[in-house]
Amino acid sequence: MRTPKLTDAELDDFTEALGRFRNARAMNLEELDGFIAALICGPSTIPPSEFLSEIWGGGEIADSESFALEEDVQRFVQAVLHDWNFVAGTLHSGDFYLPLLLEAHCQLNFR
């Protein structure tokens, strides 16, 4: 059974969690989704221990002061892995994968 995509409420929570990182190199949700897709499409599997710190801009998550409780850190990592499993399941199934593009960030100007 494939992992379902994150619900709108889960995406809102995930976006809020990503917004806690004060590092200028931290990813937003669209960047994270694309990053995950790129890692999955790469020639070798990269374990979370090697890529997670890239999401918040480097360093240890404990150093970021972004989460008050250990449970918050665990929920954040679980959300990352949930998105990983959804993207991987979609790509490996042969279904068409649509990257996340949030409406608030999309500004198309056709003249």
PDB file of N, CA and C in Angstrom:
ATOM      1  N   MET A   1       0.836  -1.180   0.000  1.00  0.00           N
ATOM      2  CA  MET A   1       0.000   0.000   0.000  1.00  0.00           C
ATOM      3  C   MET A   1       0.880   1.242   0.000  1.00  0.00           C
ATOM      4  N   ARG A   2       0.570   2.175  -0.889  1.00  0.00           N
ATOM      5  CA  ARG A   2       1.362   3.397  -0.995  1.00  0.00           C
ATOM      6  C   ARG A   2       1.013   4.393   0.102  1.00  0.00           C
ATOM      7  N   THR A   3       1.996   5.173   0.470  1.00  0.00           N
ATOM      8  CA  THR A   3       1.812   6.225   1.468  1.00  0.00           C
ATOM      9  C   THR A   3       0.949   7.331   0.872  1.00  0.00           C
ATOM     10  N   PRO A   4      -0.093   7.751   1.576  1.00  0.00           N
ATOM     11  CA  PRO A   4      -0.920   8.846   1.056  1.00  0.00           C
ATOM     12  C   PRO A   4      -0.178  10.170   1.144  1.00  0.00           C
ATOM     13  N   LYS A   5      -0.565  11.114   0.301  1.00  0.00           N
ATOM     14  CA  LYS A   5       0.071  12.424   0.389  1.00  0.00           C
ATOM     15  C   LYS A   5      -0.373  13.120   1.667  1.00  0.00           C
ATOM     16  N   LEU A   6       0.400  14.092   2.094  1.00  0.00           N
ATOM     17  CA  LEU A   6       0.071  14.841   3.293  1.00  0.00           C
ATOM     18  C   LEU A   6      -1.223  15.625   3.069  1.00  0.00           C
ATOM     19  N   THR A   7      -2.050  15.698   4.103  1.00  0.00           N
ATOM     20  CA  THR A   7      -3.284  16.468   4.013  1.00  0.00           C
ATOM     21  C   THR A   7      -2.950  17.961   4.034  1.00  0.00           C
ATOM     22  N   ASP A   8      -3.934  18.799   3.715  1.00  0.00           N
ATOM     23  CA  ASP A   8      -3.708  20.243   3.768  1.00  0.00           C
ATOM     24  C   ASP A   8      -3.317  20.689   5.173  1.00  0.00           C
ATOM     25  N   ALA A   9      -3.950  20.122   6.190  1.00  0.00           N
ATOM     26  CA  ALA A   9      -3.605  20.477   7.574  1.00  0.00           C
ATOM     27  C   ALA A   9      -2.174  20.053   7.902  1.00  0.00           C
ATOM     28  N   GLU A  10      -1.775  18.859   7.446  1.00  0.00           N
ATOM     29  CA  GLU A  10      -0.408  18.392   7.679  1.00  0.00           C
ATOM     30  C   GLU A  10       0.594  19.267   6.928  1.00  0.00           C
ATOM     31  N   LEU A  11       0.246  19.684   5.713  1.00  0.00           N
ATOM     32  CA  LEU A  11       1.127  20.582   4.957  1.00  0.00           C
ATOM     33  C   LEU A  11       1.267  21.931   5.662  1.00  0.00           C
ATOM     34  N   ASP A  12       0.165  22.431   6.227  1.00  0.00           N
ATOM     35  CA  ASP A  12       0.233  23.686   6.981  1.00  0.00           C
ATOM     36  C   ASP A  12       1.148  23.544   8.190  1.00  0.00           C
ATOM     37  N   ASP A  13       1.014  22.432   8.920  1.00  0.00           N
ATOM     38  CA  ASP A  13       1.881  22.188  10.073  1.00  0.00           C
ATOM     39  C   ASP A  13       3.341  22.068   9.655  1.00  0.00           C
ATOM     40  N   PHE A  14       3.575  21.384   8.539  1.00  0.00           N
ATOM     41  CA  PHE A  14       4.921  21.181   8.016  1.00  0.00           C
ATOM     42  C   PHE A  14       5.534  22.522   7.605  1.00  0.00           C
ATOM     43  N   THR A  15       4.741  23.352   6.939  1.00  0.00           N
ATOM     44  CA  THR A  15       5.202  24.676   6.527  1.00  0.00           C
ATOM     45  C   THR A  15       5.561  25.518   7.746  1.00  0.00           C
ATOM     46  N   GLU A  16       4.726  25.443   8.770  1.00  0.00           N
ATOM     47  CA  GLU A  16       4.992  26.187   9.993  1.00  0.00           C
ATOM     48  C   GLU A  16       6.273  25.705  10.659  1.00  0.00           C
ATOM     49  N   ALA A  17       6.480  24.396  10.689  1.00  0.00           N
ATOM     50  CA  ALA A  17       7.699  23.836  11.286  1.00  0.00           C
ATOM     51  C   ALA A  17       8.931  24.279  10.509  1.00  0.00           C
ATOM     52  N   LEU A  18       8.861  24.260   9.182  1.00  0.00           N
ATOM     53  CA  LEU A  18       9.995  24.701   8.371  1.00  0.00           C
ATOM     54  C   LEU A  18      10.278  26.184   8.589  1.00  0.00           C
ATOM     55  N   GLY A  19       9.232  26.958   8.830  1.00  0.00           N
ATOM     56  CA  GLY A  19       9.396  28.393   9.063  1.00  0.00           C
ATOM     57  C   GLY A  19      10.099  28.726  10.368  1.00  0.00           C
ATOM     58  N   ARG A  20      10.213  27.753  11.259  1.00  0.00           N
ATOM     59  CA  ARG A  20      10.910  27.986  12.535  1.00  0.00           C
ATOM     60  C   ARG A  20      12.415  28.101  12.368  1.00  0.00           C
ATOM     61  N   PHE A  21      12.931  27.547  11.291  1.00  0.00           N
ATOM     62  CA  PHE A  21      14.387  27.584  11.087  1.00  0.00           C
ATOM     63  C   PHE A  21      14.792  28.987  10.669  1.00  0.00           C
ATOM     64  N   ARG A  22      15.693  29.568  11.427  1.00  0.00           N
ATOM     65  CA  ARG A  22      16.104  30.948  11.176  1.00  0.00           C
ATOM     66  C   ARG A  22      17.294  31.044  10.225  1.00  0.00           C
ATOM     67  N   ASN A  23      17.853  29.918   9.862  1.00  0.00           N
ATOM     68  CA  ASN A  23      18.991  29.898   8.963  1.00  0.00           C
ATOM     69  C   ASN A  23      18.528  30.308   7.565  1.00  0.00           C
ATOM     70  N   ALA A  24      19.231  31.223   6.928  1.00  0.00           N
ATOM     71  CA  ALA A  24      18.849  31.699   5.595  1.00  0.00           C
ATOM     72  C   ALA A  24      18.907  30.588   4.554  1.00  0.00           C
ATOM     73  N   ARG A  25      19.668  29.529   4.824  1.00  0.00           N
ATOM     74  CA  ARG A  25      19.774  28.417   3.873  1.00  0.00           C
ATOM     75  C   ARG A  25      18.720  27.341   4.103  1.00  0.00           C
ATOM     76  N   ALA A  26      17.863  27.503   5.102  1.00  0.00           N
ATOM     77  CA  ALA A  26      16.815  26.511   5.379  1.00  0.00           C
ATOM     78  C   ALA A  26      15.825  26.468   4.216  1.00  0.00           C
ATOM     79  N   MET A  27      15.273  25.292   3.979  1.00  0.00           N
ATOM     80  CA  MET A  27      14.355  25.091   2.857  1.00  0.00           C
ATOM     81  C   MET A  27      12.924  25.438   3.237  1.00  0.00           C
ATOM     82  N   ASN A  28      12.159  25.851   2.220  1.00  0.00           N
ATOM     83  CA  ASN A  28      10.721  25.955   2.408  1.00  0.00           C
ATOM     84  C   ASN A  28      10.112  24.649   1.895  1.00  0.00           C
ATOM     85  N   LEU A  29       8.794  24.533   1.954  1.00  0.00           N
ATOM     86  CA  LEU A  29       8.151  23.269   1.618  1.00  0.00           C
ATOM     87  C   LEU A  29       8.362  22.870   0.158  1.00  0.00           C
ATOM     88  N   GLU A  30       8.284  23.825  -0.747  1.00  0.00           N
ATOM     89  CA  GLU A  30       8.493  23.507  -2.160  1.00  0.00           C
ATOM     90  C   GLU A  30       9.917  23.031  -2.416  1.00  0.00           C
ATOM     91  N   GLU A  31      10.892  23.708  -1.811  1.00  0.00           N
ATOM     92  CA  GLU A  31      12.289  23.301  -1.962  1.00  0.00           C
ATOM     93  C   GLU A  31      12.514  21.908  -1.393  1.00  0.00           C
ATOM     94  N   LEU A  32      11.926  21.656  -0.230  1.00  0.00           N
ATOM     95  CA  LEU A  32      12.081  20.350   0.399  1.00  0.00           C
ATOM     96  C   LEU A  32      11.492  19.250  -0.476  1.00  0.00           C
ATOM     97  N   ASP A  33      10.310  19.468  -1.021  1.00  0.00           N
ATOM     98  CA  ASP A  33       9.678  18.469  -1.872  1.00  0.00           C
ATOM     99  C   ASP A  33      10.532  18.185  -3.108  1.00  0.00           C
ATOM    100  N   GLY A  34      11.060  19.217  -3.732  1.00  0.00           N
ATOM    101  CA  GLY A  34      11.939  19.030  -4.888  1.00  0.00           C
ATOM    102  C   GLY A  34      13.241  18.346  -4.521  1.00  0.00           C
ATOM    103  N   PHE A  35      13.793  18.703  -3.371  1.00  0.00           N
ATOM    104  CA  PHE A  35      15.020  18.089  -2.863  1.00  0.00           C
ATOM    105  C   PHE A  35      14.817  16.596  -2.669  1.00  0.00           C
ATOM    106  N   ILE A  36      13.697  16.230  -2.056  1.00  0.00           N
ATOM    107  CA  ILE A  36      13.388  14.821  -1.838  1.00  0.00           C
ATOM    108  C   ILE A  36      13.251  14.095  -3.171  1.00  0.00           C
ATOM    109  N   ALA A  37      12.540  14.692  -4.115  1.00  0.00           N
ATOM    110  CA  ALA A  37      12.376  14.064  -5.434  1.00  0.00           C
ATOM    111  C   ALA A  37      13.727  13.861  -6.106  1.00  0.00           C
ATOM    112  N   ALA A  38      14.605  14.851  -6.001  1.00  0.00           N
ATOM    113  CA  ALA A  38      15.936  14.736  -6.613  1.00  0.00           C
ATOM    114  C   ALA A  38      16.744  13.619  -5.958  1.00  0.00           C
ATOM    115  N   LEU A  39      16.674  13.522  -4.637  1.00  0.00           N
ATOM    116  CA  LEU A  39      17.407  12.456  -3.941  1.00  0.00           C
ATOM    117  C   LEU A  39      16.895  11.082  -4.349  1.00  0.00           C
ATOM    118  N   ILE A  40      15.593  10.956  -4.484  1.00  0.00           N
ATOM    119  CA  ILE A  40      15.009   9.670  -4.861  1.00  0.00           C
ATOM    120  C   ILE A  40      15.404   9.288  -6.281  1.00  0.00           C
ATOM    121  N   CYS A  41      15.489  10.271  -7.162  1.00  0.00           N
ATOM    122  CA  CYS A  41      15.833  10.001  -8.566  1.00  0.00           C
ATOM    123  C   CYS A  41      17.331   9.808  -8.782  1.00  0.00           C
ATOM    124  N   GLY A  42      18.123  10.084  -7.769  1.00  0.00           N
ATOM    125  CA  GLY A  42      19.570   9.968  -7.901  1.00  0.00           C
ATOM    126  C   GLY A  42      20.033   8.534  -8.056  1.00  0.00           C
ATOM    127  N   PRO A  43      21.306   8.363  -8.399  1.00  0.00           N
ATOM    128  CA  PRO A  43      21.833   7.032  -8.676  1.00  0.00           C
ATOM    129  C   PRO A  43      22.025   6.145  -7.445  1.00  0.00           C
ATOM    130  N   SER A  44      22.078   6.754  -6.248  1.00  0.00           N
ATOM    131  CA  SER A  44      22.256   5.942  -5.048  1.00  0.00           C
ATOM    132  C   SER A  44      21.352   6.469  -3.939  1.00  0.00           C
ATOM    133  N   THR A  45      21.045   5.604  -2.998  1.00  0.00           N
ATOM    134  CA  THR A  45      20.196   5.978  -1.881  1.00  0.00           C
ATOM    135  C   THR A  45      21.008   6.749  -0.852  1.00  0.00           C
ATOM    136  N   ILE A  46      20.473   7.893  -0.449  1.00  0.00           N
ATOM    137  CA  ILE A  46      21.125   8.716   0.568  1.00  0.00           C
ATOM    138  C   ILE A  46      20.314   8.563   1.853  1.00  0.00           C
ATOM    139  N   PRO A  47      20.923   8.125   2.945  1.00  0.00           N
ATOM    140  CA  PRO A  47      20.171   7.953   4.192  1.00  0.00           C
ATOM    141  C   PRO A  47      19.812   9.305   4.815  1.00  0.00           C
ATOM    142  N   PRO A  48      18.709   9.336   5.571  1.00  0.00           N
ATOM    143  CA  PRO A  48      18.305  10.583   6.224  1.00  0.00           C
ATOM    144  C   PRO A  48      19.414  11.207   7.066  1.00  0.00           C
ATOM    145  N   SER A  49      20.246  10.402   7.674  1.00  0.00           N
ATOM    146  CA  SER A  49      21.323  10.955   8.504  1.00  0.00           C
ATOM    147  C   SER A  49      22.260  11.854   7.703  1.00  0.00           C
ATOM    148  N   GLU A  50      22.285  11.672   6.381  1.00  0.00           N
ATOM    149  CA  GLU A  50      23.159  12.490   5.534  1.00  0.00           C
ATOM    150  C   GLU A  50      22.457  13.700   4.932  1.00  0.00           C
ATOM    151  N   PHE A  51      21.131  13.669   4.797  1.00  0.00           N
ATOM    152  CA  PHE A  51      20.466  14.786   4.129  1.00  0.00           C
ATOM    153  C   PHE A  51      19.609  15.668   5.031  1.00  0.00           C
ATOM    154  N   LEU A  52      19.231  15.188   6.201  1.00  0.00           N
ATOM    155  CA  LEU A  52      18.318  15.971   7.045  1.00  0.00           C
ATOM    156  C   LEU A  52      18.860  17.359   7.388  1.00  0.00           C
ATOM    157  N   SER A  53      20.132  17.464   7.704  1.00  0.00           N
ATOM    158  CA  SER A  53      20.666  18.773   8.105  1.00  0.00           C
ATOM    159  C   SER A  53      20.613  19.792   6.975  1.00  0.00           C
ATOM    160  N   GLU A  54      20.579  19.337   5.737  1.00  0.00           N
ATOM    161  CA  GLU A  54      20.459  20.265   4.602  1.00  0.00           C
ATOM    162  C   GLU A  54      19.112  20.993   4.639  1.00  0.00           C
ATOM    163  N   ILE A  55      18.088  20.346   5.176  1.00  0.00           N
ATOM    164  CA  ILE A  55      16.749  20.928   5.211  1.00  0.00           C
ATOM    165  C   ILE A  55      16.729  22.189   6.063  1.00  0.00           C
ATOM    166  N   TRP A  56      17.373  22.166   7.219  1.00  0.00           N
ATOM    167  CA  TRP A  56      17.361  23.345   8.084  1.00  0.00           C
ATOM    168  C   TRP A  56      18.601  24.211   7.906  1.00  0.00           C
ATOM    169  N   GLY A  57      19.387  23.960   6.898  1.00  0.00           N
ATOM    170  CA  GLY A  57      20.499  24.836   6.564  1.00  0.00           C
ATOM    171  C   GLY A  57      21.832  24.444   7.151  1.00  0.00           C
ATOM    172  N   GLY A  58      21.950  23.217   7.663  1.00  0.00           N
ATOM    173  CA  GLY A  58      23.216  22.717   8.184  1.00  0.00           C
ATOM    174  C   GLY A  58      23.262  22.729   9.700  1.00  0.00           C
ATOM    175  N   GLY A  59      24.212  21.987  10.230  1.00  0.00           N
ATOM    176  CA  GLY A  59      24.373  21.897  11.677  1.00  0.00           C
ATOM    177  C   GLY A  59      23.418  20.895  12.297  1.00  0.00           C
ATOM    178  N   GLU A  60      23.432  20.858  13.607  1.00  0.00           N
ATOM    179  CA  GLU A  60      22.572  19.942  14.359  1.00  0.00           C
ATOM    180  C   GLU A  60      21.224  20.594  14.600  1.00  0.00           C
ATOM    181  N   ILE A  61      20.160  19.817  14.520  1.00  0.00           N
ATOM    182  CA  ILE A  61      18.828  20.365  14.760  1.00  0.00           C
ATOM    183  C   ILE A  61      18.702  20.889  16.178  1.00  0.00           C
ATOM    184  N   ALA A  62      19.401  20.268  17.109  1.00  0.00           N
ATOM    185  CA  ALA A  62      19.350  20.720  18.501  1.00  0.00           C
ATOM    186  C   ALA A  62      19.938  22.122  18.643  1.00  0.00           C
ATOM    187  N   ASP A  63      20.854  22.480  17.754  1.00  0.00           N
ATOM    188  CA  ASP A  63      21.476  23.802  17.790  1.00  0.00           C
ATOM    189  C   ASP A  63      20.578  24.885  17.210  1.00  0.00           C
ATOM    190  N   SER A  64      19.536  24.492  16.486  1.00  0.00           N
ATOM    191  CA  SER A  64      18.724  25.475  15.782  1.00  0.00           C
ATOM    192  C   SER A  64      17.721  26.187  16.685  1.00  0.00           C
ATOM    193  N   GLU A  65      17.439  25.639  17.861  1.00  0.00           N
ATOM    194  CA  GLU A  65      16.472  26.200  18.803  1.00  0.00           C
ATOM    195  C   GLU A  65      15.101  26.369  18.149  1.00  0.00           C
ATOM    196  N   SER A  66      14.807  25.561  17.151  1.00  0.00           N
ATOM    197  CA  SER A  66      13.561  25.667  16.420  1.00  0.00           C
ATOM    198  C   SER A  66      12.434  24.867  17.043  1.00  0.00           C
ATOM    199  N   PHE A  67      12.755  23.890  17.865  1.00  0.00           N
ATOM    200  CA  PHE A  67      11.754  23.031  18.463  1.00  0.00           C
ATOM    201  C   PHE A  67      11.931  23.013  19.968  1.00  0.00           C
ATOM    202  N   ALA A  68      10.840  23.240  20.678  1.00  0.00           N
ATOM    203  CA  ALA A  68      10.896  23.278  22.130  1.00  0.00           C
ATOM    204  C   ALA A  68      11.003  21.889  22.735  1.00  0.00           C
ATOM    205  N   LEU A  69      10.370  20.902  22.109  1.00  0.00           N
ATOM    206  CA  LEU A  69      10.312  19.561  22.675  1.00  0.00           C
ATOM    207  C   LEU A  69      10.875  18.527  21.706  1.00  0.00           C
ATOM    208  N   GLU A  70      11.406  17.466  22.275  1.00  0.00           N
ATOM    209  CA  GLU A  70      11.911  16.353  21.460  1.00  0.00           C
ATOM    210  C   GLU A  70      10.799  15.772  20.588  1.00  0.00           C
ATOM    211  N   GLU A  71       9.561  15.769  21.099  1.00  0.00           N
ATOM    212  CA  GLU A  71       8.438  15.241  20.305  1.00  0.00           C
ATOM    213  C   GLU A  71       8.226  16.065  19.039  1.00  0.00           C
ATOM    214  N   ASP A  72       8.478  17.378  19.126  1.00  0.00           N
ATOM    215  CA  ASP A  72       8.346  18.237  17.946  1.00  0.00           C
ATOM    216  C   ASP A  72       9.381  17.859  16.893  1.00  0.00           C
ATOM    217  N   VAL A  73      10.587  17.567  17.331  1.00  0.00           N
ATOM    218  CA  VAL A  73      11.644  17.130  16.409  1.00  0.00           C
ATOM    219  C   VAL A  73      11.232  15.821  15.754  1.00  0.00           C
ATOM    220  N   GLN A  74      10.730  14.887  16.553  1.00  0.00           N
ATOM    221  CA  GLN A  74      10.307  13.587  16.011  1.00  0.00           C
ATOM    222  C   GLN A  74       9.176  13.749  15.009  1.00  0.00           C
ATOM    223  N   ARG A  75       8.190  14.621  15.310  1.00  0.00           N
ATOM    224  CA  ARG A  75       7.086  14.856  14.372  1.00  0.00           C
ATOM    225  C   ARG A  75       7.596  15.468  13.066  1.00  0.00           C
ATOM    226  N   PHE A  76       8.561  16.375  13.182  1.00  0.00           N
ATOM    227  CA  PHE A  76       9.127  16.998  11.988  1.00  0.00           C
ATOM    228  C   PHE A  76       9.826  15.951  11.117  1.00  0.00           C
ATOM    229  N   VAL A  77      10.666  15.138  11.726  1.00  0.00           N
ATOM    230  CA  VAL A  77      11.387  14.100  10.969  1.00  0.00           C
ATOM    231  C   VAL A  77      10.395  13.101  10.372  1.00  0.00           C
ATOM    232  N   GLN A  78       9.355  12.746  11.114  1.00  0.00           N
ATOM    233  CA  GLN A  78       8.329  11.839  10.587  1.00  0.00           C
ATOM    234  C   GLN A  78       7.620  12.455   9.379  1.00  0.00           C
ATOM    235  N   ALA A  79       7.377  13.761   9.413  1.00  0.00           N
ATOM    236  CA  ALA A  79       6.740  14.428   8.266  1.00  0.00           C
ATOM    237  C   ALA A  79       7.657  14.400   7.047  1.00  0.00           C
ATOM    238  N   VAL A  80       8.959  14.621   7.270  1.00  0.00           N
ATOM    239  CA  VAL A  80       9.919  14.546   6.159  1.00  0.00           C
ATOM    240  C   VAL A  80       9.900  13.136   5.568  1.00  0.00           C
ATOM    241  N   LEU A  81       9.963  12.131   6.414  1.00  0.00           N
ATOM    242  CA  LEU A  81       9.982  10.749   5.929  1.00  0.00           C
ATOM    243  C   LEU A  81       8.653  10.354   5.291  1.00  0.00           C
ATOM    244  N   HIS A  82       7.557  10.896   5.785  1.00  0.00           N
ATOM    245  CA  HIS A  82       6.251  10.641   5.166  1.00  0.00           C
ATOM    246  C   HIS A  82       6.244  11.188   3.738  1.00  0.00           C
ATOM    247  N   ASP A  83       6.726  12.437   3.583  1.00  0.00           N
ATOM    248  CA  ASP A  83       6.783  13.014   2.238  1.00  0.00           C
ATOM    249  C   ASP A  83       7.724  12.206   1.352  1.00  0.00           C
ATOM    250  N   TRP A  84       8.863  11.774   1.912  1.00  0.00           N
ATOM    251  CA  TRP A  84       9.802  10.932   1.170  1.00  0.00           C
ATOM    252  C   TRP A  84       9.092   9.675   0.652  1.00  0.00           C
ATOM    253  N   ASN A  85       8.363   9.003   1.535  1.00  0.00           N
ATOM    254  CA  ASN A  85       7.679   7.766   1.149  1.00  0.00           C
ATOM    255  C   ASN A  85       6.595   8.013   0.104  1.00  0.00           C
ATOM    256  N   PHE A  86       5.882   9.131   0.229  1.00  0.00           N
ATOM    257  CA  PHE A  86       4.864   9.455  -0.768  1.00  0.00           C
ATOM    258  C   PHE A  86       5.504   9.716  -2.132  1.00  0.00           C
ATOM    259  N   VAL A  87       6.526  10.552  -2.162  1.00  0.00           N
ATOM    260  CA  VAL A  87       7.200  10.880  -3.429  1.00  0.00           C
ATOM    261  C   VAL A  87       7.820   9.626  -4.032  1.00  0.00           C
ATOM    262  N   ALA A  88       8.503   8.827  -3.220  1.00  0.00           N
ATOM    263  CA  ALA A  88       9.130   7.598  -3.722  1.00  0.00           C
ATOM    264  C   ALA A  88       8.077   6.644  -4.270  1.00  0.00           C
ATOM    265  N   GLY A  89       6.985   6.476  -3.549  1.00  0.00           N
ATOM    266  CA  GLY A  89       5.921   5.587  -4.018  1.00  0.00           C
ATOM    267  C   GLY A  89       5.332   6.042  -5.341  1.00  0.00           C
ATOM    268  N   THR A  90       5.150   7.341  -5.472  1.00  0.00           N
ATOM    269  CA  THR A  90       4.597   7.887  -6.715  1.00  0.00           C
ATOM    270  C   THR A  90       5.581   7.694  -7.869  1.00  0.00           C
ATOM    271  N   LEU A  91       6.836   8.057  -7.655  1.00  0.00           N
ATOM    272  CA  LEU A  91       7.833   7.942  -8.722  1.00  0.00           C
ATOM    273  C   LEU A  91       8.073   6.491  -9.124  1.00  0.00           C
ATOM    274  N   HIS A  92       8.137   5.612  -8.168  1.00  0.00           N
ATOM    275  CA  HIS A  92       8.417   4.207  -8.472  1.00  0.00           C
ATOM    276  C   HIS A  92       7.211   3.464  -9.040  1.00  0.00           C
ATOM    277  N   SER A  93       6.018   4.010  -8.860  1.00  0.00           N
ATOM    278  CA  SER A  93       4.819   3.354  -9.386  1.00  0.00           C
ATOM    279  C   SER A  93       4.608   3.654 -10.865  1.00  0.00           C
ATOM    280  N   GLY A  94       5.288   4.670 -11.351  1.00  0.00           N
ATOM    281  CA  GLY A  94       5.083   5.080 -12.734  1.00  0.00           C
ATOM    282  C   GLY A  94       3.992   6.125 -12.875  1.00  0.00           C
ATOM    283  N   ASP A  95       3.320   6.480 -11.758  1.00  0.00           N
ATOM    284  CA  ASP A  95       2.319   7.547 -11.797  1.00  0.00           C
ATOM    285  C   ASP A  95       3.009   8.873 -12.068  1.00  0.00           C
ATOM    286  N   PHE A  96       2.225   9.818 -12.548  1.00  0.00           N
ATOM    287  CA  PHE A  96       2.737  11.149 -12.820  1.00  0.00           C
ATOM    288  C   PHE A  96       2.951  11.877 -11.499  1.00  0.00           C
ATOM    289  N   TYR A  97       4.139  12.390 -11.283  1.00  0.00           N
ATOM    290  CA  TYR A  97       4.465  13.103 -10.050  1.00  0.00           C
ATOM    291  C   TYR A  97       4.358  14.604 -10.284  1.00  0.00           C
ATOM    292  N   LEU A  98       3.590  15.267  -9.443  1.00  0.00           N
ATOM    293  CA  LEU A  98       3.489  16.721  -9.482  1.00  0.00           C
ATOM    294  C   LEU A  98       4.169  17.286  -8.245  1.00  0.00           C
ATOM    295  N   PRO A  99       5.201  18.097  -8.417  1.00  0.00           N
ATOM    296  CA  PRO A  99       5.862  18.682  -7.247  1.00  0.00           C
ATOM    297  C   PRO A  99       4.926  19.668  -6.553  1.00  0.00           C
ATOM    298  N   LEU A 100       5.189  19.898  -5.292  1.00  0.00           N
ATOM    299  CA  LEU A 100       4.392  20.858  -4.535  1.00  0.00           C
ATOM    300  C   LEU A 100       4.699  22.275  -4.990  1.00  0.00           C
ATOM    301  N   LEU A 101       3.673  22.987  -5.316  1.00  0.00           N
ATOM    302  CA  LEU A 101       3.762  24.416  -5.605  1.00  0.00           C
ATOM    303  C   LEU A 101       2.622  25.065  -4.847  1.00  0.00           C
ATOM    304  N   LEU A 102       2.952  25.829  -3.852  1.00  0.00           N
ATOM    305  CA  LEU A 102       1.924  26.432  -3.025  1.00  0.00           C
ATOM    306  C   LEU A 102       1.428  27.719  -3.648  1.00  0.00           C
ATOM    307  N   GLU A 103       0.150  27.897  -3.612  1.00  0.00           N
ATOM    308  CA  GLU A 103      -0.517  29.020  -4.244  1.00  0.00           C
ATOM    309  C   GLU A 103       0.040  30.373  -3.798  1.00  0.00           C
ATOM    310  N   ALA A 104       0.326  30.509  -2.537  1.00  0.00           N
ATOM    311  CA  ALA A 104       0.805  31.792  -2.015  1.00  0.00           C
ATOM    312  C   ALA A 104       2.133  32.201  -2.628  1.00  0.00           C
ATOM    313  N   HIS A 105       2.922  31.248  -3.122  1.00  0.00           N
ATOM    314  CA  HIS A 105       4.223  31.552  -3.669  1.00  0.00           C
ATOM    315  C   HIS A 105       4.225  31.665  -5.190  1.00  0.00           C
ATOM    316  N   CYS A 106       3.126  31.304  -5.810  1.00  0.00           N
ATOM    317  CA  CYS A 106       3.069  31.309  -7.273  1.00  0.00           C
ATOM    318  C   CYS A 106       2.553  32.672  -7.742  1.00  0.00           C
ATOM    319  N   GLN A 107       3.379  33.366  -8.468  1.00  0.00           N
ATOM    320  CA  GLN A 107       2.971  34.647  -9.020  1.00  0.00           C
ATOM    321  C   GLN A 107       3.380  34.651 -10.482  1.00  0.00           C
ATOM    322  N   LEU A 108       2.423  34.333 -11.318  1.00  0.00           N
ATOM    323  CA  LEU A 108       2.677  34.342 -12.744  1.00  0.00           C
ATOM    324  C   LEU A 108       2.199  35.664 -13.315  1.00  0.00           C
ATOM    325  N   ASN A 109       2.994  36.245 -14.144  1.00  0.00           N
ATOM    326  CA  ASN A 109       2.631  37.526 -14.737  1.00  0.00           C
ATOM    327  C   ASN A 109       2.739  37.393 -16.244  1.00  0.00           C
ATOM    328  N   PHE A 110       1.618  37.223 -16.888  1.00  0.00           N
ATOM    329  CA  PHE A 110       1.598  37.108 -18.341  1.00  0.00           C
ATOM    330  C   PHE A 110       1.229  38.454 -18.933  1.00  0.00           C
ATOM    331  N   ARG A 111       2.056  38.916 -19.824  1.00  0.00           N
ATOM    332  CA  ARG A 111       1.774  40.214 -20.475  1.00  0.00           C
ATOM    333  C   ARG A 111       1.682  40.021 -21.950  1.00  0.00           C
TER     334      ARG A 111
END
